[in-house]
Amino acid sequence: MQFIKHDINAAAALAKTEDGKLVIEQNGKTINYVFNDGKIIRSSGE
C-alpha cells in the first residue's frame, strides 16, 4: 500500500483494465499493479 500510495500521488492518469490491472501513468512512465495468486506484483519498464 505504501508503494501504491506513492505511485498514485505522483500519477498523471489512472485506469483499471478489464482483467483487474491497475495502471498508473507518471510523466511518460507506466506502472502496473496486478493482484494474482496471492501476490501483488508491481511492474514498470525498469
ModelCIF file with pLDDT and N, C-alpha, C, O atoms, coordinates in Angstrom:
data_MODEL
#
_entry.id   MODEL 
#
_entity.id                         1 
_entity.type                       polymer 
_entity.pdbx_number_of_molecules   1 
#
_entity_poly.entity_id                      1 
_entity_poly.type                           'polypeptide(L)' 
_entity_poly.nstd_linkage                   no 
_entity_poly.nstd_monomer                   no 
_entity_poly.pdbx_seq_one_letter_code       MQFIKHDINAAAALAKTEDGKLVIEQNGKTINYVFNDGKIIRSSGE 
_entity_poly.pdbx_seq_one_letter_code_can   MQFIKHDINAAAALAKTEDGKLVIEQNGKTINYVFNDGKIIRSSGE 
_entity_poly.pdbx_strand_id                 A 
#
loop_
_entity_poly_seq.entity_id 
_entity_poly_seq.num 
_entity_poly_seq.mon_id 
_entity_poly_seq.hetero 
1 1  MET n 
1 2  GLN n 
1 3  PHE n 
1 4  ILE n 
1 5  LYS n 
1 6  HIS n 
1 7  ASP n 
1 8  ILE n 
1 9  ASN n 
1 10 ALA n 
1 11 ALA n 
1 12 ALA n 
1 13 ALA n 
1 14 LEU n 
1 15 ALA n 
1 16 LYS n 
1 17 THR n 
1 18 GLU n 
1 19 ASP n 
1 20 GLY n 
1 21 LYS n 
1 22 LEU n 
1 23 VAL n 
1 24 ILE n 
1 25 GLU n 
1 26 GLN n 
1 27 ASN n 
1 28 GLY n 
1 29 LYS n 
1 30 THR n 
1 31 ILE n 
1 32 ASN n 
1 33 TYR n 
1 34 VAL n 
1 35 PHE n 
1 36 ASN n 
1 37 ASP n 
1 38 GLY n 
1 39 LYS n 
1 40 ILE n 
1 41 ILE n 
1 42 ARG n 
1 43 SER n 
1 44 SER n 
1 45 GLY n 
1 46 GLU n 
#
_struct_asym.id          A 
_struct_asym.entity_id   1 
#
loop_
_ma_qa_metric.id 
_ma_qa_metric.mode 
_ma_qa_metric.name 
_ma_qa_metric.software_group_id 
_ma_qa_metric.type 
1 global pLDDT . pLDDT 
2 local  pLDDT . pLDDT 
#
_ma_qa_metric_global.metric_id      1 
_ma_qa_metric_global.metric_value   89.78 
_ma_qa_metric_global.model_id       1 
_ma_qa_metric_global.ordinal_id     1 
#
loop_
_ma_qa_metric_local.label_asym_id 
_ma_qa_metric_local.label_comp_id 
_ma_qa_metric_local.label_seq_id 
_ma_qa_metric_local.metric_id 
_ma_qa_metric_local.metric_value 
_ma_qa_metric_local.model_id 
_ma_qa_metric_local.ordinal_id 
A MET 1  2 90.00 1 1  
A GLN 2  2 92.00 1 2  
A PHE 3  2 90.00 1 3  
A ILE 4  2 92.00 1 4  
A LYS 5  2 92.00 1 5  
A HIS 6  2 92.00 1 6  
A ASP 7  2 92.00 1 7  
A ILE 8  2 92.00 1 8  
A ASN 9  2 91.00 1 9  
A ALA 10 2 89.00 1 10 
A ALA 11 2 89.00 1 11 
A ALA 12 2 87.00 1 12 
A ALA 13 2 88.00 1 13 
A LEU 14 2 91.00 1 14 
A ALA 15 2 91.00 1 15 
A LYS 16 2 93.00 1 16 
A THR 17 2 91.00 1 17 
A GLU 18 2 91.00 1 18 
A ASP 19 2 91.00 1 19 
A GLY 20 2 90.00 1 20 
A LYS 21 2 93.00 1 21 
A LEU 22 2 94.00 1 22 
A VAL 23 2 93.00 1 23 
A ILE 24 2 93.00 1 24 
A GLU 25 2 91.00 1 25 
A GLN 26 2 87.00 1 26 
A ASN 27 2 84.00 1 27 
A GLY 28 2 84.00 1 28 
A LYS 29 2 90.00 1 29 
A THR 30 2 92.00 1 30 
A ILE 31 2 93.00 1 31 
A ASN 32 2 94.00 1 32 
A TYR 33 2 94.00 1 33 
A VAL 34 2 93.00 1 34 
A PHE 35 2 90.00 1 35 
A ASN 36 2 85.00 1 36 
A ASP 37 2 80.00 1 37 
A GLY 38 2 83.00 1 38 
A LYS 39 2 88.00 1 39 
A ILE 40 2 91.00 1 40 
A ILE 41 2 91.00 1 41 
A ARG 42 2 93.00 1 42 
A SER 43 2 93.00 1 43 
A SER 44 2 88.00 1 44 
A GLY 45 2 80.00 1 45 
A GLU 46 2 79.00 1 46 
#
loop_
_atom_site.group_PDB 
_atom_site.id 
_atom_site.type_symbol 
_atom_site.label_atom_id 
_atom_site.label_alt_id 
_atom_site.label_comp_id 
_atom_site.label_asym_id 
_atom_site.label_entity_id 
_atom_site.label_seq_id 
_atom_site.pdbx_PDB_ins_code 
_atom_site.Cartn_x 
_atom_site.Cartn_y 
_atom_site.Cartn_z 
_atom_site.occupancy 
_atom_site.B_iso_or_equiv 
_atom_site.pdbx_formal_charge 
_atom_site.auth_seq_id 
_atom_site.auth_comp_id 
_atom_site.auth_asym_id 
_atom_site.auth_atom_id 
_atom_site.pdbx_PDB_model_num 
ATOM 1   N N  . MET A 1 1  ? 0.828   -1.216  0.000   1.00 90.00 ? 1  MET A N  1 
ATOM 2   C CA . MET A 1 1  ? 0.000   0.000   0.000   1.00 90.00 ? 1  MET A CA 1 
ATOM 3   C C  . MET A 1 1  ? 0.858   1.261   0.000   1.00 90.00 ? 1  MET A C  1 
ATOM 4   O O  . MET A 1 1  ? 0.496   2.258   -0.625  1.00 90.00 ? 1  MET A O  1 
ATOM 5   N N  . GLN A 1 2  ? 1.984   1.225   0.692   1.00 92.00 ? 2  GLN A N  1 
ATOM 6   C CA . GLN A 1 2  ? 2.865   2.389   0.712   1.00 92.00 ? 2  GLN A CA 1 
ATOM 7   C C  . GLN A 1 2  ? 3.398   2.695   -0.691  1.00 92.00 ? 2  GLN A C  1 
ATOM 8   O O  . GLN A 1 2  ? 3.465   3.858   -1.090  1.00 92.00 ? 2  GLN A O  1 
ATOM 9   N N  . PHE A 1 3  ? 3.774   1.660   -1.431  1.00 90.00 ? 3  PHE A N  1 
ATOM 10  C CA . PHE A 1 3  ? 4.252   1.863   -2.795  1.00 90.00 ? 3  PHE A CA 1 
ATOM 11  C C  . PHE A 1 3  ? 3.125   2.359   -3.696  1.00 90.00 ? 3  PHE A C  1 
ATOM 12  O O  . PHE A 1 3  ? 3.322   3.267   -4.503  1.00 90.00 ? 3  PHE A O  1 
ATOM 13  N N  . ILE A 1 4  ? 1.940   1.757   -3.555  1.00 92.00 ? 4  ILE A N  1 
ATOM 14  C CA . ILE A 1 4  ? 0.802   2.161   -4.377  1.00 92.00 ? 4  ILE A CA 1 
ATOM 15  C C  . ILE A 1 4  ? 0.459   3.626   -4.101  1.00 92.00 ? 4  ILE A C  1 
ATOM 16  O O  . ILE A 1 4  ? 0.234   4.401   -5.031  1.00 92.00 ? 4  ILE A O  1 
ATOM 17  N N  . LYS A 1 5  ? 0.420   4.001   -2.825  1.00 92.00 ? 5  LYS A N  1 
ATOM 18  C CA . LYS A 1 5  ? 0.107   5.385   -2.461  1.00 92.00 ? 5  LYS A CA 1 
ATOM 19  C C  . LYS A 1 5  ? 1.117   6.347   -3.069  1.00 92.00 ? 5  LYS A C  1 
ATOM 20  O O  . LYS A 1 5  ? 0.738   7.380   -3.621  1.00 92.00 ? 5  LYS A O  1 
ATOM 21  N N  . HIS A 1 6  ? 2.386   6.018   -2.971  1.00 92.00 ? 6  HIS A N  1 
ATOM 22  C CA . HIS A 1 6  ? 3.436   6.868   -3.524  1.00 92.00 ? 6  HIS A CA 1 
ATOM 23  C C  . HIS A 1 6  ? 3.267   7.014   -5.036  1.00 92.00 ? 6  HIS A C  1 
ATOM 24  O O  . HIS A 1 6  ? 3.386   8.117   -5.570  1.00 92.00 ? 6  HIS A O  1 
ATOM 25  N N  . ASP A 1 7  ? 2.993   5.917   -5.720  1.00 92.00 ? 7  ASP A N  1 
ATOM 26  C CA . ASP A 1 7  ? 2.827   5.970   -7.175  1.00 92.00 ? 7  ASP A CA 1 
ATOM 27  C C  . ASP A 1 7  ? 1.589   6.763   -7.576  1.00 92.00 ? 7  ASP A C  1 
ATOM 28  O O  . ASP A 1 7  ? 1.619   7.505   -8.558  1.00 92.00 ? 7  ASP A O  1 
ATOM 29  N N  . ILE A 1 8  ? 0.499   6.610   -6.823  1.00 92.00 ? 8  ILE A N  1 
ATOM 30  C CA . ILE A 1 8  ? -0.731  7.334   -7.146  1.00 92.00 ? 8  ILE A CA 1 
ATOM 31  C C  . ILE A 1 8  ? -0.558  8.826   -6.888  1.00 92.00 ? 8  ILE A C  1 
ATOM 32  O O  . ILE A 1 8  ? -1.057  9.643   -7.662  1.00 92.00 ? 8  ILE A O  1 
ATOM 33  N N  . ASN A 1 9  ? 0.130   9.194   -5.826  1.00 91.00 ? 9  ASN A N  1 
ATOM 34  C CA . ASN A 1 9  ? 0.341   10.618  -5.524  1.00 91.00 ? 9  ASN A CA 1 
ATOM 35  C C  . ASN A 1 9  ? 1.060   11.344  -6.656  1.00 91.00 ? 9  ASN A C  1 
ATOM 36  O O  . ASN A 1 9  ? 0.838   12.536  -6.869  1.00 91.00 ? 9  ASN A O  1 
ATOM 37  N N  . ALA A 1 10 ? 1.908   10.641  -7.375  1.00 89.00 ? 10 ALA A N  1 
ATOM 38  C CA . ALA A 1 10 ? 2.662   11.249  -8.475  1.00 89.00 ? 10 ALA A CA 1 
ATOM 39  C C  . ALA A 1 10 ? 2.031   10.954  -9.836  1.00 89.00 ? 10 ALA A C  1 
ATOM 40  O O  . ALA A 1 10 ? 2.645   11.219  -10.869 1.00 89.00 ? 10 ALA A O  1 
ATOM 41  N N  . ALA A 1 11 ? 0.814   10.412  -9.847  1.00 89.00 ? 11 ALA A N  1 
ATOM 42  C CA . ALA A 1 11 ? 0.188   9.974   -11.093 1.00 89.00 ? 11 ALA A CA 1 
ATOM 43  C C  . ALA A 1 11 ? -0.375  11.137  -11.899 1.00 89.00 ? 11 ALA A C  1 
ATOM 44  O O  . ALA A 1 11 ? -0.896  12.109  -11.350 1.00 89.00 ? 11 ALA A O  1 
ATOM 45  N N  . ALA A 1 12 ? -0.254  11.008  -13.215 1.00 87.00 ? 12 ALA A N  1 
ATOM 46  C CA . ALA A 1 12 ? -0.900  11.937  -14.134 1.00 87.00 ? 12 ALA A CA 1 
ATOM 47  C C  . ALA A 1 12 ? -2.214  11.348  -14.637 1.00 87.00 ? 12 ALA A C  1 
ATOM 48  O O  . ALA A 1 12 ? -3.131  12.088  -14.993 1.00 87.00 ? 12 ALA A O  1 
ATOM 49  N N  . ALA A 1 13 ? -2.309  10.005  -14.668 1.00 88.00 ? 13 ALA A N  1 
ATOM 50  C CA . ALA A 1 13 ? -3.528  9.327   -15.114 1.00 88.00 ? 13 ALA A CA 1 
ATOM 51  C C  . ALA A 1 13 ? -3.630  7.977   -14.411 1.00 88.00 ? 13 ALA A C  1 
ATOM 52  O O  . ALA A 1 13 ? -2.625  7.344   -14.091 1.00 88.00 ? 13 ALA A O  1 
ATOM 53  N N  . LEU A 1 14 ? -4.880  7.553   -14.180 1.00 91.00 ? 14 LEU A N  1 
ATOM 54  C CA . LEU A 1 14 ? -5.161  6.279   -13.519 1.00 91.00 ? 14 LEU A CA 1 
ATOM 55  C C  . LEU A 1 14 ? -6.187  5.506   -14.337 1.00 91.00 ? 14 LEU A C  1 
ATOM 56  O O  . LEU A 1 14 ? -7.086  6.096   -14.935 1.00 91.00 ? 14 LEU A O  1 
ATOM 57  N N  . ALA A 1 15 ? -6.049  4.182   -14.360 1.00 91.00 ? 15 ALA A N  1 
ATOM 58  C CA . ALA A 1 15 ? -7.027  3.351   -15.058 1.00 91.00 ? 15 ALA A CA 1 
ATOM 59  C C  . ALA A 1 15 ? -7.012  1.948   -14.463 1.00 91.00 ? 15 ALA A C  1 
ATOM 60  O O  . ALA A 1 15 ? -6.028  1.518   -13.861 1.00 91.00 ? 15 ALA A O  1 
ATOM 61  N N  . LYS A 1 16 ? -8.115  1.253   -14.646 1.00 93.00 ? 16 LYS A N  1 
ATOM 62  C CA . LYS A 1 16 ? -8.214  -0.160  -14.285 1.00 93.00 ? 16 LYS A CA 1 
ATOM 63  C C  . LYS A 1 16 ? -8.642  -0.911  -15.533 1.00 93.00 ? 16 LYS A C  1 
ATOM 64  O O  . LYS A 1 16 ? -9.660  -0.583  -16.141 1.00 93.00 ? 16 LYS A O  1 
ATOM 65  N N  . THR A 1 17 ? -7.869  -1.918  -15.917 1.00 91.00 ? 17 THR A N  1 
ATOM 66  C CA . THR A 1 17 ? -8.186  -2.680  -17.112 1.00 91.00 ? 17 THR A CA 1 
ATOM 67  C C  . THR A 1 17 ? -9.273  -3.703  -16.810 1.00 91.00 ? 17 THR A C  1 
ATOM 68  O O  . THR A 1 17 ? -9.615  -3.936  -15.651 1.00 91.00 ? 17 THR A O  1 
ATOM 69  N N  . GLU A 1 18 ? -9.811  -4.309  -17.858 1.00 91.00 ? 18 GLU A N  1 
ATOM 70  C CA . GLU A 1 18 ? -10.874 -5.296  -17.692 1.00 91.00 ? 18 GLU A CA 1 
ATOM 71  C C  . GLU A 1 18 ? -10.418 -6.520  -16.911 1.00 91.00 ? 18 GLU A C  1 
ATOM 72  O O  . GLU A 1 18 ? -11.224 -7.160  -16.235 1.00 91.00 ? 18 GLU A O  1 
ATOM 73  N N  . ASP A 1 19 ? -9.142  -6.850  -16.997 1.00 91.00 ? 19 ASP A N  1 
ATOM 74  C CA . ASP A 1 19 ? -8.638  -8.008  -16.258 1.00 91.00 ? 19 ASP A CA 1 
ATOM 75  C C  . ASP A 1 19 ? -8.198  -7.654  -14.840 1.00 91.00 ? 19 ASP A C  1 
ATOM 76  O O  . ASP A 1 19 ? -7.592  -8.483  -14.160 1.00 91.00 ? 19 ASP A O  1 
ATOM 77  N N  . GLY A 1 20 ? -8.493  -6.433  -14.381 1.00 90.00 ? 20 GLY A N  1 
ATOM 78  C CA . GLY A 1 20 ? -8.240  -6.050  -12.991 1.00 90.00 ? 20 GLY A CA 1 
ATOM 79  C C  . GLY A 1 20 ? -6.900  -5.406  -12.713 1.00 90.00 ? 20 GLY A C  1 
ATOM 80  O O  . GLY A 1 20 ? -6.561  -5.175  -11.552 1.00 90.00 ? 20 GLY A O  1 
ATOM 81  N N  . LYS A 1 21 ? -6.132  -5.112  -13.742 1.00 93.00 ? 21 LYS A N  1 
ATOM 82  C CA . LYS A 1 21 ? -4.827  -4.487  -13.560 1.00 93.00 ? 21 LYS A CA 1 
ATOM 83  C C  . LYS A 1 21 ? -4.999  -3.003  -13.280 1.00 93.00 ? 21 LYS A C  1 
ATOM 84  O O  . LYS A 1 21 ? -5.790  -2.334  -13.945 1.00 93.00 ? 21 LYS A O  1 
ATOM 85  N N  . LEU A 1 22 ? -4.263  -2.480  -12.300 1.00 94.00 ? 22 LEU A N  1 
ATOM 86  C CA . LEU A 1 22 ? -4.245  -1.051  -12.004 1.00 94.00 ? 22 LEU A CA 1 
ATOM 87  C C  . LEU A 1 22 ? -3.097  -0.430  -12.784 1.00 94.00 ? 22 LEU A C  1 
ATOM 88  O O  . LEU A 1 22 ? -1.944  -0.831  -12.628 1.00 94.00 ? 22 LEU A O  1 
ATOM 89  N N  . VAL A 1 23 ? -3.415  0.549   -13.622 1.00 93.00 ? 23 VAL A N  1 
ATOM 90  C CA . VAL A 1 23 ? -2.417  1.196   -14.479 1.00 93.00 ? 23 VAL A CA 1 
ATOM 91  C C  . VAL A 1 23 ? -2.258  2.641   -14.023 1.00 93.00 ? 23 VAL A C  1 
ATOM 92  O O  . VAL A 1 23 ? -3.230  3.392   -13.949 1.00 93.00 ? 23 VAL A O  1 
ATOM 93  N N  . ILE A 1 24 ? -1.017  3.019   -13.719 1.00 93.00 ? 24 ILE A N  1 
ATOM 94  C CA . ILE A 1 24 ? -0.701  4.356   -13.243 1.00 93.00 ? 24 ILE A CA 1 
ATOM 95  C C  . ILE A 1 24 ? 0.298   4.984   -14.223 1.00 93.00 ? 24 ILE A C  1 
ATOM 96  O O  . ILE A 1 24 ? 1.384   4.452   -14.454 1.00 93.00 ? 24 ILE A O  1 
ATOM 97  N N  . GLU A 1 25 ? -0.093  6.114   -14.784 1.00 91.00 ? 25 GLU A N  1 
ATOM 98  C CA . GLU A 1 25 ? 0.784   6.852   -15.709 1.00 91.00 ? 25 GLU A CA 1 
ATOM 99  C C  . GLU A 1 25 ? 1.465   7.979   -14.945 1.00 91.00 ? 25 GLU A C  1 
ATOM 100 O O  . GLU A 1 25 ? 0.815   8.758   -14.248 1.00 91.00 ? 25 GLU A O  1 
ATOM 101 N N  . GLN A 1 26 ? 2.788   8.052   -15.086 1.00 87.00 ? 26 GLN A N  1 
ATOM 102 C CA . GLN A 1 26 ? 3.576   9.104   -14.428 1.00 87.00 ? 26 GLN A CA 1 
ATOM 103 C C  . GLN A 1 26 ? 4.608   9.652   -15.401 1.00 87.00 ? 26 GLN A C  1 
ATOM 104 O O  . GLN A 1 26 ? 5.558   8.947   -15.739 1.00 87.00 ? 26 GLN A O  1 
ATOM 105 N N  . ASN A 1 27 ? 4.454   10.859  -15.849 1.00 84.00 ? 27 ASN A N  1 
ATOM 106 C CA . ASN A 1 27 ? 5.473   11.541  -16.655 1.00 84.00 ? 27 ASN A CA 1 
ATOM 107 C C  . ASN A 1 27 ? 6.143   10.623  -17.681 1.00 84.00 ? 27 ASN A C  1 
ATOM 108 O O  . ASN A 1 27 ? 7.366   10.485  -17.671 1.00 84.00 ? 27 ASN A O  1 
ATOM 109 N N  . GLY A 1 28 ? 5.380   10.008  -18.545 1.00 84.00 ? 28 GLY A N  1 
ATOM 110 C CA . GLY A 1 28 ? 5.928   9.147   -19.578 1.00 84.00 ? 28 GLY A CA 1 
ATOM 111 C C  . GLY A 1 28 ? 6.290   7.749   -19.106 1.00 84.00 ? 28 GLY A C  1 
ATOM 112 O O  . GLY A 1 28 ? 6.834   6.968   -19.885 1.00 84.00 ? 28 GLY A O  1 
ATOM 113 N N  . LYS A 1 29 ? 6.016   7.420   -17.892 1.00 90.00 ? 29 LYS A N  1 
ATOM 114 C CA . LYS A 1 29 ? 6.327   6.103   -17.330 1.00 90.00 ? 29 LYS A CA 1 
ATOM 115 C C  . LYS A 1 29 ? 5.012   5.432   -16.924 1.00 90.00 ? 29 LYS A C  1 
ATOM 116 O O  . LYS A 1 29 ? 4.130   6.079   -16.359 1.00 90.00 ? 29 LYS A O  1 
ATOM 117 N N  . THR A 1 30 ? 4.886   4.145   -17.210 1.00 92.00 ? 30 THR A N  1 
ATOM 118 C CA . THR A 1 30 ? 3.688   3.396   -16.851 1.00 92.00 ? 30 THR A CA 1 
ATOM 119 C C  . THR A 1 30 ? 4.027   2.366   -15.780 1.00 92.00 ? 30 THR A C  1 
ATOM 120 O O  . THR A 1 30 ? 4.985   1.605   -15.915 1.00 92.00 ? 30 THR A O  1 
ATOM 121 N N  . ILE A 1 31 ? 3.235   2.355   -14.722 1.00 93.00 ? 31 ILE A N  1 
ATOM 122 C CA . ILE A 1 31 ? 3.403   1.382   -13.642 1.00 93.00 ? 31 ILE A CA 1 
ATOM 123 C C  . ILE A 1 31 ? 2.137   0.545   -13.577 1.00 93.00 ? 31 ILE A C  1 
ATOM 124 O O  . ILE A 1 31 ? 1.029   1.081   -13.550 1.00 93.00 ? 31 ILE A O  1 
ATOM 125 N N  . ASN A 1 32 ? 2.304   -0.761  -13.553 1.00 94.00 ? 32 ASN A N  1 
ATOM 126 C CA . ASN A 1 32 ? 1.182   -1.683  -13.492 1.00 94.00 ? 32 ASN A CA 1 
ATOM 127 C C  . ASN A 1 32 ? 1.199   -2.436  -12.174 1.00 94.00 ? 32 ASN A C  1 
ATOM 128 O O  . ASN A 1 32 ? 2.246   -2.897  -11.719 1.00 94.00 ? 32 ASN A O  1 
ATOM 129 N N  . TYR A 1 33 ? 0.027   -2.555  -11.567 1.00 94.00 ? 33 TYR A N  1 
ATOM 130 C CA . TYR A 1 33 ? -0.143  -3.380  -10.376 1.00 94.00 ? 33 TYR A CA 1 
ATOM 131 C C  . TYR A 1 33 ? -1.140  -4.484  -10.697 1.00 94.00 ? 33 TYR A C  1 
ATOM 132 O O  . TYR A 1 33 ? -2.200  -4.233  -11.270 1.00 94.00 ? 33 TYR A O  1 
ATOM 133 N N  . VAL A 1 34 ? -0.787  -5.706  -10.319 1.00 93.00 ? 34 VAL A N  1 
ATOM 134 C CA . VAL A 1 34 ? -1.655  -6.852  -10.534 1.00 93.00 ? 34 VAL A CA 1 
ATOM 135 C C  . VAL A 1 34 ? -1.731  -7.639  -9.234  1.00 93.00 ? 34 VAL A C  1 
ATOM 136 O O  . VAL A 1 34 ? -0.712  -7.885  -8.588  1.00 93.00 ? 34 VAL A O  1 
ATOM 137 N N  . PHE A 1 35 ? -2.952  -8.036  -8.853  1.00 90.00 ? 35 PHE A N  1 
ATOM 138 C CA . PHE A 1 35 ? -3.119  -8.963  -7.738  1.00 90.00 ? 35 PHE A CA 1 
ATOM 139 C C  . PHE A 1 35 ? -3.448  -10.307 -8.348  1.00 90.00 ? 35 PHE A C  1 
ATOM 140 O O  . PHE A 1 35 ? -4.480  -10.469 -8.999  1.00 90.00 ? 35 PHE A O  1 
ATOM 141 N N  . ASN A 1 36 ? -2.554  -11.289 -8.132  1.00 85.00 ? 36 ASN A N  1 
ATOM 142 C CA . ASN A 1 36 ? -2.724  -12.585 -8.771  1.00 85.00 ? 36 ASN A CA 1 
ATOM 143 C C  . ASN A 1 36 ? -2.077  -13.670 -7.910  1.00 85.00 ? 36 ASN A C  1 
ATOM 144 O O  . ASN A 1 36 ? -0.940  -13.517 -7.464  1.00 85.00 ? 36 ASN A O  1 
ATOM 145 N N  . ASP A 1 37 ? -2.792  -14.744 -7.682  1.00 80.00 ? 37 ASP A N  1 
ATOM 146 C CA . ASP A 1 37 ? -2.270  -15.904 -6.951  1.00 80.00 ? 37 ASP A CA 1 
ATOM 147 C C  . ASP A 1 37 ? -1.654  -15.528 -5.602  1.00 80.00 ? 37 ASP A C  1 
ATOM 148 O O  . ASP A 1 37 ? -0.575  -16.009 -5.258  1.00 80.00 ? 37 ASP A O  1 
ATOM 149 N N  . GLY A 1 38 ? -2.326  -14.682 -4.849  1.00 83.00 ? 38 GLY A N  1 
ATOM 150 C CA . GLY A 1 38 ? -1.838  -14.315 -3.525  1.00 83.00 ? 38 GLY A CA 1 
ATOM 151 C C  . GLY A 1 38 ? -0.633  -13.404 -3.527  1.00 83.00 ? 38 GLY A C  1 
ATOM 152 O O  . GLY A 1 38 ? 0.110   -13.357 -2.547  1.00 83.00 ? 38 GLY A O  1 
ATOM 153 N N  . LYS A 1 39 ? -0.426  -12.676 -4.620  1.00 88.00 ? 39 LYS A N  1 
ATOM 154 C CA . LYS A 1 39 ? 0.702   -11.749 -4.718  1.00 88.00 ? 39 LYS A CA 1 
ATOM 155 C C  . LYS A 1 39 ? 0.238   -10.449 -5.351  1.00 88.00 ? 39 LYS A C  1 
ATOM 156 O O  . LYS A 1 39 ? -0.629  -10.442 -6.225  1.00 88.00 ? 39 LYS A O  1 
ATOM 157 N N  . ILE A 1 40 ? 0.824   -9.350  -4.898  1.00 91.00 ? 40 ILE A N  1 
ATOM 158 C CA . ILE A 1 40 ? 0.698   -8.086  -5.614  1.00 91.00 ? 40 ILE A CA 1 
ATOM 159 C C  . ILE A 1 40 ? 2.011   -7.903  -6.366  1.00 91.00 ? 40 ILE A C  1 
ATOM 160 O O  . ILE A 1 40 ? 3.092   -7.955  -5.779  1.00 91.00 ? 40 ILE A O  1 
ATOM 161 N N  . ILE A 1 41 ? 1.898   -7.691  -7.653  1.00 91.00 ? 41 ILE A N  1 
ATOM 162 C CA . ILE A 1 41 ? 3.081   -7.518  -8.491  1.00 91.00 ? 41 ILE A CA 1 
ATOM 163 C C  . ILE A 1 41 ? 3.060   -6.106  -9.064  1.00 91.00 ? 41 ILE A C  1 
ATOM 164 O O  . ILE A 1 41 ? 2.092   -5.693  -9.702  1.00 91.00 ? 41 ILE A O  1 
ATOM 165 N N  . ARG A 1 42 ? 4.140   -5.378  -8.828  1.00 93.00 ? 42 ARG A N  1 
ATOM 166 C CA . ARG A 1 42 ? 4.324   -4.023  -9.361  1.00 93.00 ? 42 ARG A CA 1 
ATOM 167 C C  . ARG A 1 42 ? 5.371   -4.105  -10.455 1.00 93.00 ? 42 ARG A C  1 
ATOM 168 O O  . ARG A 1 42 ? 6.494   -4.547  -10.218 1.00 93.00 ? 42 ARG A O  1 
ATOM 169 N N  . SER A 1 43 ? 5.002   -3.679  -11.649 1.00 93.00 ? 43 SER A N  1 
ATOM 170 C CA . SER A 1 43 ? 5.972   -3.709  -12.735 1.00 93.00 ? 43 SER A CA 1 
ATOM 171 C C  . SER A 1 43 ? 5.961   -2.377  -13.477 1.00 93.00 ? 43 SER A C  1 
ATOM 172 O O  . SER A 1 43 ? 4.917   -1.765  -13.703 1.00 93.00 ? 43 SER A O  1 
ATOM 173 N N  . SER A 1 44 ? 7.145   -1.966  -13.839 1.00 88.00 ? 44 SER A N  1 
ATOM 174 C CA . SER A 1 44 ? 7.323   -0.787  -14.685 1.00 88.00 ? 44 SER A CA 1 
ATOM 175 C C  . SER A 1 44 ? 8.359   -1.185  -15.726 1.00 88.00 ? 44 SER A C  1 
ATOM 176 O O  . SER A 1 44 ? 8.837   -2.320  -15.728 1.00 88.00 ? 44 SER A O  1 
ATOM 177 N N  . GLY A 1 45 ? 8.696   -0.289  -16.580 1.00 80.00 ? 45 GLY A N  1 
ATOM 178 C CA . GLY A 1 45 ? 9.699   -0.608  -17.590 1.00 80.00 ? 45 GLY A CA 1 
ATOM 179 C C  . GLY A 1 45 ? 11.062  -0.898  -16.993 1.00 80.00 ? 45 GLY A C  1 
ATOM 180 O O  . GLY A 1 45 ? 11.895  -1.547  -17.625 1.00 80.00 ? 45 GLY A O  1 
ATOM 181 N N  . GLU A 1 46 ? 11.297  -0.416  -15.770 1.00 79.00 ? 46 GLU A N  1 
ATOM 182 C CA . GLU A 1 46 ? 12.616  -0.523  -15.157 1.00 79.00 ? 46 GLU A CA 1 
ATOM 183 C C  . GLU A 1 46 ? 12.778  -1.745  -14.253 1.00 79.00 ? 46 GLU A C  1 
ATOM 184 O O  . GLU A 1 46 ? 13.846  -1.950  -13.676 1.00 79.00 ? 46 GLU A O  1 
#
